N, C-alpha and C. Protein backbone atom coordinates (compact mmCIF):
# COMPACT_ATOMS: atom_id res chain seq x y z
N UNK A 1 13.54 -4.22 -6.51
CA UNK A 1 13.41 -3.88 -7.92
C UNK A 1 14.24 -2.63 -8.28
N UNK A 2 14.68 -1.93 -7.28
CA UNK A 2 15.48 -0.69 -7.57
C UNK A 2 16.66 -1.05 -8.40
N UNK A 3 16.80 -0.30 -9.50
CA UNK A 3 17.93 -0.46 -10.44
C UNK A 3 17.72 -1.51 -11.47
N UNK A 4 16.64 -2.31 -11.38
CA UNK A 4 16.38 -3.35 -12.38
C UNK A 4 15.79 -2.69 -13.63
N UNK A 5 15.93 -3.34 -14.75
CA UNK A 5 15.34 -2.85 -16.07
C UNK A 5 14.34 -3.87 -16.47
N UNK A 6 13.10 -3.43 -16.67
CA UNK A 6 12.04 -4.32 -17.16
C UNK A 6 11.50 -3.85 -18.48
N UNK A 7 11.57 -4.79 -19.46
CA UNK A 7 11.02 -4.53 -20.77
C UNK A 7 9.72 -5.32 -20.86
N UNK A 8 8.58 -4.63 -21.02
CA UNK A 8 7.27 -5.23 -21.05
C UNK A 8 6.69 -5.03 -22.48
N UNK A 9 6.56 -6.09 -23.21
CA UNK A 9 5.93 -5.98 -24.53
C UNK A 9 4.46 -5.78 -24.39
N UNK A 10 3.87 -5.03 -25.31
CA UNK A 10 2.45 -4.77 -25.28
C UNK A 10 2.05 -3.99 -24.03
N UNK A 11 2.87 -3.03 -23.63
CA UNK A 11 2.63 -2.32 -22.38
C UNK A 11 2.01 -0.95 -22.58
N UNK A 12 1.42 -0.72 -23.72
CA UNK A 12 0.76 0.53 -24.00
C UNK A 12 -0.69 0.57 -23.53
N UNK A 13 -1.19 -0.58 -23.04
CA UNK A 13 -2.59 -0.64 -22.54
C UNK A 13 -2.78 -1.93 -21.78
N UNK A 14 -3.91 -1.99 -21.10
CA UNK A 14 -4.35 -3.21 -20.47
C UNK A 14 -3.43 -3.80 -19.42
N UNK A 15 -3.28 -5.15 -19.45
CA UNK A 15 -2.44 -5.82 -18.47
C UNK A 15 -1.00 -5.40 -18.58
N UNK A 16 -0.52 -5.22 -19.74
CA UNK A 16 0.90 -4.77 -19.92
C UNK A 16 1.19 -3.45 -19.27
N UNK A 17 0.25 -2.53 -19.47
CA UNK A 17 0.39 -1.19 -18.83
C UNK A 17 0.37 -1.31 -17.32
N UNK A 18 -0.54 -2.10 -16.82
CA UNK A 18 -0.64 -2.31 -15.38
C UNK A 18 0.65 -2.97 -14.80
N UNK A 19 1.22 -3.88 -15.51
CA UNK A 19 2.48 -4.48 -15.11
C UNK A 19 3.58 -3.46 -15.08
N UNK A 20 3.69 -2.67 -16.16
CA UNK A 20 4.77 -1.63 -16.23
C UNK A 20 4.62 -0.65 -15.10
N UNK A 21 3.36 -0.18 -14.84
CA UNK A 21 3.15 0.81 -13.78
C UNK A 21 3.50 0.20 -12.41
N UNK A 22 3.16 -1.04 -12.20
CA UNK A 22 3.49 -1.72 -10.90
C UNK A 22 5.00 -1.85 -10.74
N UNK A 23 5.66 -2.32 -11.78
CA UNK A 23 7.12 -2.48 -11.66
C UNK A 23 7.77 -1.11 -11.46
N UNK A 24 7.24 -0.05 -12.07
CA UNK A 24 7.71 1.28 -11.88
C UNK A 24 7.55 1.69 -10.40
N UNK A 25 6.38 1.42 -9.87
CA UNK A 25 6.11 1.79 -8.45
C UNK A 25 7.03 1.04 -7.47
N UNK A 26 7.56 -0.10 -7.93
CA UNK A 26 8.51 -0.87 -7.06
C UNK A 26 9.94 -0.44 -7.26
N UNK A 27 10.15 0.53 -8.12
CA UNK A 27 11.52 1.05 -8.36
C UNK A 27 12.25 0.68 -9.58
N UNK A 28 11.66 -0.15 -10.43
CA UNK A 28 12.30 -0.59 -11.64
C UNK A 28 12.26 0.47 -12.72
N UNK A 29 13.30 0.53 -13.57
CA UNK A 29 13.20 1.23 -14.84
C UNK A 29 12.32 0.45 -15.76
N UNK A 30 11.49 1.05 -16.55
CA UNK A 30 10.59 0.25 -17.43
C UNK A 30 10.75 0.74 -18.86
N UNK A 31 10.55 -0.19 -19.77
CA UNK A 31 10.49 0.10 -21.23
C UNK A 31 9.06 -0.17 -21.63
N UNK A 32 8.37 0.90 -22.06
CA UNK A 32 6.99 0.82 -22.45
C UNK A 32 6.97 0.70 -23.98
N UNK A 33 6.33 -0.39 -24.48
CA UNK A 33 6.32 -0.73 -25.86
C UNK A 33 4.90 -0.95 -26.39
N UNK A 34 4.76 -0.74 -27.65
CA UNK A 34 3.45 -1.04 -28.32
C UNK A 34 3.52 -0.46 -29.72
N UNK A 35 2.38 -0.50 -30.37
CA UNK A 35 2.33 0.01 -31.76
C UNK A 35 1.73 1.42 -31.87
N UNK A 36 1.05 1.84 -30.78
CA UNK A 36 0.35 3.11 -30.77
C UNK A 36 1.13 4.10 -29.95
N UNK A 37 1.72 5.10 -30.58
CA UNK A 37 2.56 6.06 -29.85
C UNK A 37 1.78 6.88 -28.81
N UNK A 38 0.57 7.21 -29.10
CA UNK A 38 -0.24 7.99 -28.13
C UNK A 38 -0.48 7.18 -26.88
N UNK A 39 -0.80 5.92 -26.99
CA UNK A 39 -1.06 5.08 -25.83
C UNK A 39 0.22 4.81 -25.09
N UNK A 40 1.32 4.66 -25.80
CA UNK A 40 2.62 4.48 -25.16
C UNK A 40 2.90 5.71 -24.22
N UNK A 41 2.69 6.86 -24.84
CA UNK A 41 2.99 8.15 -24.11
C UNK A 41 2.10 8.23 -22.91
N UNK A 42 0.84 7.85 -22.98
CA UNK A 42 -0.08 7.92 -21.82
C UNK A 42 0.44 7.11 -20.66
N UNK A 43 1.00 5.92 -20.91
CA UNK A 43 1.58 5.08 -19.87
C UNK A 43 2.85 5.69 -19.33
N UNK A 44 3.68 6.17 -20.25
CA UNK A 44 4.92 6.79 -19.77
C UNK A 44 4.61 8.01 -18.90
N UNK A 45 3.58 8.76 -19.20
CA UNK A 45 3.23 9.91 -18.35
C UNK A 45 2.83 9.51 -16.93
N UNK A 46 2.35 8.26 -16.77
CA UNK A 46 2.00 7.78 -15.45
C UNK A 46 3.22 7.35 -14.65
N UNK A 47 4.38 7.27 -15.35
CA UNK A 47 5.62 6.87 -14.74
C UNK A 47 6.58 8.05 -14.85
N UNK A 48 6.29 9.06 -14.05
CA UNK A 48 7.16 10.25 -14.08
C UNK A 48 8.63 9.90 -13.69
N UNK A 49 9.59 10.46 -14.48
CA UNK A 49 10.95 10.18 -14.23
C UNK A 49 11.36 10.68 -12.84
N UNK A 50 12.14 9.86 -12.14
CA UNK A 50 12.64 10.23 -10.85
C UNK A 50 14.18 10.13 -10.95
N UNK A 51 14.85 10.57 -9.89
CA UNK A 51 16.28 10.42 -9.89
C UNK A 51 16.60 8.98 -9.95
N UNK A 52 17.52 8.57 -10.87
CA UNK A 52 17.95 7.19 -11.02
C UNK A 52 16.88 6.26 -11.44
N UNK A 53 15.76 6.68 -11.97
CA UNK A 53 14.72 5.85 -12.42
C UNK A 53 14.11 6.45 -13.68
N UNK A 54 13.83 5.64 -14.69
CA UNK A 54 13.36 6.17 -15.98
C UNK A 54 12.34 5.21 -16.63
N UNK A 55 11.44 5.83 -17.35
CA UNK A 55 10.50 5.08 -18.20
C UNK A 55 10.84 5.46 -19.66
N UNK A 56 11.28 4.47 -20.45
CA UNK A 56 11.66 4.66 -21.85
C UNK A 56 10.50 4.19 -22.72
N UNK A 57 10.18 4.99 -23.72
CA UNK A 57 9.09 4.65 -24.64
C UNK A 57 9.75 4.25 -25.96
N UNK A 58 9.26 3.09 -26.51
CA UNK A 58 9.79 2.59 -27.75
C UNK A 58 8.58 2.06 -28.55
N UNK A 59 8.29 2.66 -29.68
CA UNK A 59 7.23 2.12 -30.59
C UNK A 59 7.82 0.92 -31.32
N UNK A 60 7.15 -0.20 -31.20
CA UNK A 60 7.62 -1.41 -31.87
C UNK A 60 6.45 -2.33 -32.21
N UNK A 61 6.49 -2.83 -33.42
CA UNK A 61 5.53 -3.86 -33.88
C UNK A 61 6.27 -5.18 -33.85
N UNK A 62 5.89 -6.08 -33.00
CA UNK A 62 6.62 -7.36 -32.82
C UNK A 62 6.50 -8.26 -34.05
N UNK A 63 5.72 -7.91 -35.03
CA UNK A 63 5.70 -8.65 -36.30
C UNK A 63 6.78 -8.26 -37.22
N UNK A 64 7.48 -7.19 -36.87
CA UNK A 64 8.56 -6.62 -37.75
C UNK A 64 9.89 -6.86 -37.05
N UNK A 65 10.72 -7.67 -37.68
CA UNK A 65 12.02 -8.03 -37.06
C UNK A 65 12.87 -6.80 -36.74
N UNK A 66 12.90 -5.84 -37.66
CA UNK A 66 13.67 -4.61 -37.47
C UNK A 66 13.22 -3.89 -36.19
N UNK A 67 11.92 -3.85 -35.98
CA UNK A 67 11.35 -3.22 -34.77
C UNK A 67 11.82 -3.92 -33.46
N UNK A 68 11.87 -5.22 -33.52
CA UNK A 68 12.31 -5.95 -32.33
C UNK A 68 13.76 -5.68 -32.09
N UNK A 69 14.63 -5.69 -33.15
CA UNK A 69 16.00 -5.39 -32.99
C UNK A 69 16.24 -3.98 -32.44
N UNK A 70 15.45 -3.04 -32.95
CA UNK A 70 15.54 -1.67 -32.48
C UNK A 70 15.08 -1.53 -31.03
N UNK A 71 14.07 -2.27 -30.62
CA UNK A 71 13.59 -2.25 -29.23
C UNK A 71 14.72 -2.71 -28.30
N UNK A 72 15.31 -3.80 -28.60
CA UNK A 72 16.43 -4.31 -27.75
C UNK A 72 17.60 -3.34 -27.76
N UNK A 73 17.98 -2.85 -28.93
CA UNK A 73 19.12 -1.93 -29.05
C UNK A 73 18.90 -0.66 -28.21
N UNK A 74 17.69 -0.10 -28.33
CA UNK A 74 17.42 1.17 -27.60
C UNK A 74 17.43 0.92 -26.09
N UNK A 75 16.92 -0.27 -25.68
CA UNK A 75 16.91 -0.59 -24.26
C UNK A 75 18.33 -0.74 -23.77
N UNK A 76 19.18 -1.48 -24.47
CA UNK A 76 20.56 -1.69 -24.08
C UNK A 76 21.33 -0.38 -24.08
N UNK A 77 21.08 0.45 -25.11
CA UNK A 77 21.78 1.74 -25.19
C UNK A 77 21.45 2.61 -24.00
N UNK A 78 20.17 2.61 -23.60
CA UNK A 78 19.73 3.50 -22.49
C UNK A 78 20.12 2.94 -21.09
N UNK A 79 19.97 1.64 -20.95
CA UNK A 79 20.14 1.06 -19.60
C UNK A 79 21.32 0.11 -19.48
N UNK A 80 21.85 -0.36 -20.60
CA UNK A 80 22.97 -1.33 -20.53
C UNK A 80 22.62 -2.75 -20.23
N UNK A 81 21.34 -3.03 -20.07
CA UNK A 81 20.96 -4.39 -19.66
C UNK A 81 19.43 -4.55 -19.75
N UNK A 82 18.99 -5.76 -19.66
CA UNK A 82 17.54 -6.10 -19.48
C UNK A 82 17.54 -7.20 -18.37
N UNK A 83 16.92 -6.85 -17.26
CA UNK A 83 16.82 -7.78 -16.15
C UNK A 83 15.56 -8.63 -16.20
N UNK A 84 14.47 -7.95 -16.60
CA UNK A 84 13.14 -8.56 -16.60
C UNK A 84 12.53 -8.41 -18.00
N UNK A 85 12.03 -9.50 -18.55
CA UNK A 85 11.32 -9.43 -19.78
C UNK A 85 9.94 -10.02 -19.56
N UNK A 86 8.92 -9.22 -19.84
CA UNK A 86 7.53 -9.70 -19.73
C UNK A 86 6.96 -9.75 -21.13
N UNK A 87 6.77 -10.95 -21.62
CA UNK A 87 6.24 -11.16 -22.98
C UNK A 87 4.72 -11.11 -22.92
N UNK A 88 4.21 -9.86 -22.86
CA UNK A 88 2.80 -9.63 -22.67
C UNK A 88 2.03 -9.42 -23.99
N UNK A 89 2.71 -8.96 -25.00
CA UNK A 89 2.01 -8.66 -26.24
C UNK A 89 1.18 -9.81 -26.73
N UNK A 90 0.00 -9.58 -27.21
CA UNK A 90 -0.78 -10.61 -27.70
C UNK A 90 -1.97 -10.04 -28.50
N UNK A 91 -2.42 -10.78 -29.44
CA UNK A 91 -3.60 -10.43 -30.22
C UNK A 91 -4.53 -11.68 -30.32
N UNK A 92 -5.73 -11.43 -30.61
CA UNK A 92 -6.72 -12.48 -30.83
C UNK A 92 -7.76 -12.01 -31.81
N UNK A 93 -8.26 -12.94 -32.55
CA UNK A 93 -9.36 -12.65 -33.50
C UNK A 93 -10.04 -13.94 -33.85
N UNK A 94 -11.13 -13.87 -34.49
CA UNK A 94 -11.80 -15.02 -35.00
C UNK A 94 -11.74 -14.93 -36.52
N UNK A 95 -11.58 -16.12 -37.09
CA UNK A 95 -11.51 -16.21 -38.57
C UNK A 95 -12.07 -17.54 -39.00
N UNK A 96 -12.86 -17.58 -40.05
CA UNK A 96 -13.38 -18.83 -40.52
C UNK A 96 -12.42 -19.58 -41.36
N UNK A 97 -12.49 -20.90 -41.28
CA UNK A 97 -11.55 -21.78 -42.04
C UNK A 97 -11.59 -21.54 -43.53
N UNK A 98 -12.74 -21.10 -44.01
CA UNK A 98 -12.82 -20.88 -45.48
C UNK A 98 -12.47 -19.44 -45.86
N UNK A 99 -12.08 -18.63 -44.89
CA UNK A 99 -11.65 -17.28 -45.18
C UNK A 99 -10.34 -17.24 -45.94
N UNK A 100 -10.23 -16.46 -46.99
CA UNK A 100 -9.01 -16.40 -47.78
C UNK A 100 -7.78 -15.95 -47.00
N UNK A 101 -8.02 -15.21 -45.93
CA UNK A 101 -6.94 -14.71 -45.12
C UNK A 101 -6.68 -15.55 -43.85
N UNK A 102 -7.17 -16.77 -43.82
CA UNK A 102 -7.06 -17.61 -42.66
C UNK A 102 -5.62 -17.87 -42.28
N UNK A 103 -4.78 -18.28 -43.22
CA UNK A 103 -3.33 -18.59 -42.93
C UNK A 103 -2.64 -17.33 -42.52
N UNK A 104 -2.87 -16.23 -43.26
CA UNK A 104 -2.23 -14.90 -42.90
C UNK A 104 -2.61 -14.52 -41.49
N UNK A 105 -3.91 -14.62 -41.17
CA UNK A 105 -4.36 -14.23 -39.84
C UNK A 105 -3.76 -15.17 -38.77
N UNK A 106 -3.74 -16.45 -39.02
CA UNK A 106 -3.18 -17.42 -38.06
C UNK A 106 -1.70 -17.08 -37.85
N UNK A 107 -0.94 -16.81 -38.89
CA UNK A 107 0.45 -16.47 -38.76
C UNK A 107 0.68 -15.26 -37.93
N UNK A 108 -0.17 -14.23 -38.12
CA UNK A 108 -0.01 -12.96 -37.36
C UNK A 108 -0.29 -13.24 -35.90
N UNK A 109 -1.29 -13.98 -35.57
CA UNK A 109 -1.60 -14.31 -34.17
C UNK A 109 -0.44 -15.15 -33.58
N UNK A 110 0.03 -16.12 -34.29
CA UNK A 110 1.10 -16.98 -33.81
C UNK A 110 2.36 -16.19 -33.54
N UNK A 111 2.73 -15.32 -34.48
CA UNK A 111 3.98 -14.53 -34.33
C UNK A 111 3.91 -13.56 -33.18
N UNK A 112 2.76 -12.94 -32.97
CA UNK A 112 2.61 -11.97 -31.96
C UNK A 112 2.54 -12.60 -30.58
N UNK A 113 1.77 -13.68 -30.45
CA UNK A 113 1.55 -14.30 -29.18
C UNK A 113 2.74 -15.23 -28.80
């Protein structure tokens, strides 16, 4: 994994954070992403920069096209490539069929997952 670049979506907590930390421990550069800057920073702090290895933090909401473009652009600018992409981001909720926001909620879940 040494020298590889791993972009892990939804890596500010849970499974995504664990994947990022594991890839970091194996020598990969990691891109920590999520919507919550504080949680992103907490994961980055667990991946202390070493010589020739870096953890990049990028706040991104995958429902916003501009954020996705910025995420990729920052990663390429910093590392010049993406070797590993882990599509971990996901959300879930329950909504009743007669709820006025049913379609909106379904679209949000579908786009994120």
